[in-house]
Amino acid sequence: HAQARNIVEHIFGVLKKRWDILNRAPQFDMLVQAKIPPGLGAVHNFIIDHDDHDLEHYLNALDIDEPFFTGEPGAGAIPRVERERADALQAEIATSMWNAYQ
C-alpha cells in the first residue's frame, strides 16, 4: 500500500504542477469536478506521447530528492481476520458499483 500511495501522490503532484485548477476549489457541479482529474490526466498523457521533452520538464520541476518507491512490503502472511475484512469490503464495493450501474 505504501508504494501505491507514493505513486498516486507523485501522479497528483505532476498533475498539480501542470494544471493549476487542481490546486484550488473549482466552482463546478460535483459531477463535473469528478471528471476533471481523469480528463487532465488523459490530456497530460497525450502531451507526453507527442512531446518527448515535456515529461523531463515537469519531473525536474518537482524537486524530488528521494525515490518514489519508499516503504517496505509487509512481512509474513496476512492474518485471516484482515483478509476476511478486505474480502467483505471488496464485495460491498462491487455490489454498490453493480447496483449503481443497473
Protein backbone atom coordinates (compact mmCIF):
# COMPACT_ATOMS: atom_id res chain seq x y z
CA HIS A 1 0.00 0.00 0.00
CA ALA A 2 2.83 2.40 0.74
CA GLN A 3 4.28 2.07 -2.75
CA ALA A 4 0.89 2.56 -4.39
CA ARG A 5 0.25 5.61 -2.23
CA ASN A 6 3.60 7.11 -3.18
CA ILE A 7 2.88 6.58 -6.87
CA VAL A 8 -0.57 8.15 -6.60
CA GLU A 9 0.87 11.14 -4.70
CA HIS A 10 3.53 11.52 -7.37
CA ILE A 11 0.93 11.42 -10.15
CA PHE A 12 -1.15 14.10 -8.45
CA GLY A 13 1.99 16.16 -7.82
CA VAL A 14 2.82 16.13 -11.52
CA LEU A 15 -0.77 16.98 -12.47
CA LYS A 16 -0.97 19.80 -9.89
CA LYS A 17 2.23 21.35 -11.25
CA ARG A 18 0.84 21.31 -14.76
CA TRP A 19 -2.83 22.15 -14.11
CA ASP A 20 -3.46 24.88 -11.55
CA ILE A 21 -7.19 24.10 -11.39
CA LEU A 22 -6.28 21.11 -9.19
CA ASN A 23 -4.77 23.45 -6.57
CA ARG A 24 -7.96 25.40 -5.84
CA ALA A 25 -11.58 24.56 -5.29
CA PRO A 26 -13.38 24.70 -8.64
CA GLN A 27 -16.81 26.28 -8.85
CA PHE A 28 -18.37 23.44 -10.80
CA ASP A 29 -21.04 20.87 -10.07
CA MET A 30 -19.66 17.78 -8.27
CA LEU A 31 -20.33 15.59 -11.33
CA VAL A 32 -18.12 17.90 -13.40
CA GLN A 33 -15.47 18.09 -10.68
CA ALA A 34 -15.21 14.28 -10.62
CA LYS A 35 -14.32 14.30 -14.32
CA ILE A 36 -11.60 16.96 -14.12
CA PRO A 37 -8.64 14.88 -12.75
CA PRO A 38 -9.05 11.95 -15.16
CA GLY A 39 -9.57 14.35 -18.06
CA LEU A 40 -6.44 16.30 -17.19
CA GLY A 41 -4.55 13.02 -16.77
CA ALA A 42 -5.61 11.98 -20.27
CA VAL A 43 -4.52 15.33 -21.71
CA HIS A 44 -1.21 15.05 -19.81
CA ASN A 45 -0.61 11.57 -21.27
CA PHE A 46 -1.47 12.81 -24.75
CA ILE A 47 1.06 15.64 -24.42
CA ILE A 48 3.74 13.22 -23.20
CA ASP A 49 3.05 10.87 -26.14
CA HIS A 50 3.60 13.72 -28.58
CA ASP A 51 6.36 15.74 -26.87
CA ASP A 52 9.37 13.72 -25.68
CA HIS A 53 10.90 16.59 -23.66
CA ASP A 54 7.76 17.63 -21.81
CA LEU A 55 7.96 14.92 -19.12
CA GLU A 56 11.52 15.87 -18.17
CA HIS A 57 10.44 19.47 -17.64
CA TYR A 58 7.72 18.56 -15.13
CA LEU A 59 9.70 15.88 -13.33
CA ASN A 60 12.54 18.36 -12.81
CA ALA A 61 10.08 20.96 -11.54
CA LEU A 62 9.00 18.64 -8.71
CA ASP A 63 12.43 18.77 -7.00
CA ILE A 64 12.21 15.17 -5.84
CA ASP A 65 15.30 14.11 -3.90
CA GLU A 66 14.17 10.63 -2.89
CA PRO A 67 12.98 7.67 -4.93
CA PHE A 68 9.25 7.23 -5.46
CA PHE A 69 9.16 3.74 -4.02
CA THR A 70 9.67 4.29 -0.33
CA GLY A 71 8.10 1.92 2.14
CA GLU A 72 8.63 -1.76 2.59
CA PRO A 73 6.45 -4.70 1.65
CA GLY A 74 4.67 -6.38 4.53
CA ALA A 75 6.37 -9.28 6.22
CA GLY A 76 4.62 -12.61 6.64
CA ALA A 77 1.14 -13.76 5.75
CA ILE A 78 -1.95 -11.59 6.03
CA PRO A 79 -3.98 -12.55 9.10
CA ARG A 80 -7.26 -14.37 8.40
CA VAL A 81 -9.34 -11.64 10.08
CA GLU A 82 -7.76 -8.93 7.92
CA ARG A 83 -8.26 -10.98 4.75
CA GLU A 84 -11.94 -11.53 5.63
CA ARG A 85 -12.40 -7.82 6.34
CA ALA A 86 -10.81 -6.91 3.00
CA ASP A 87 -12.90 -9.50 1.14
CA ALA A 88 -16.10 -8.16 2.75
CA LEU A 89 -15.16 -4.59 1.84
CA GLN A 90 -14.40 -5.63 -1.75
CA ALA A 91 -17.75 -7.42 -2.02
CA GLU A 92 -19.55 -4.37 -0.60
CA ILE A 93 -17.85 -2.03 -3.09
CA ALA A 94 -18.55 -4.39 -6.01
CA THR A 95 -22.22 -4.70 -5.01
CA SER A 96 -22.54 -0.94 -4.69
CA MET A 97 -20.95 -0.41 -8.11
CA TRP A 98 -23.18 -3.06 -9.69
CA ASN A 99 -26.31 -1.51 -8.15
CA ALA A 100 -25.27 1.95 -9.38
CA TYR A 101 -24.64 0.51 -12.85
CA GLN A 102 -28.09 -1.05 -13.05
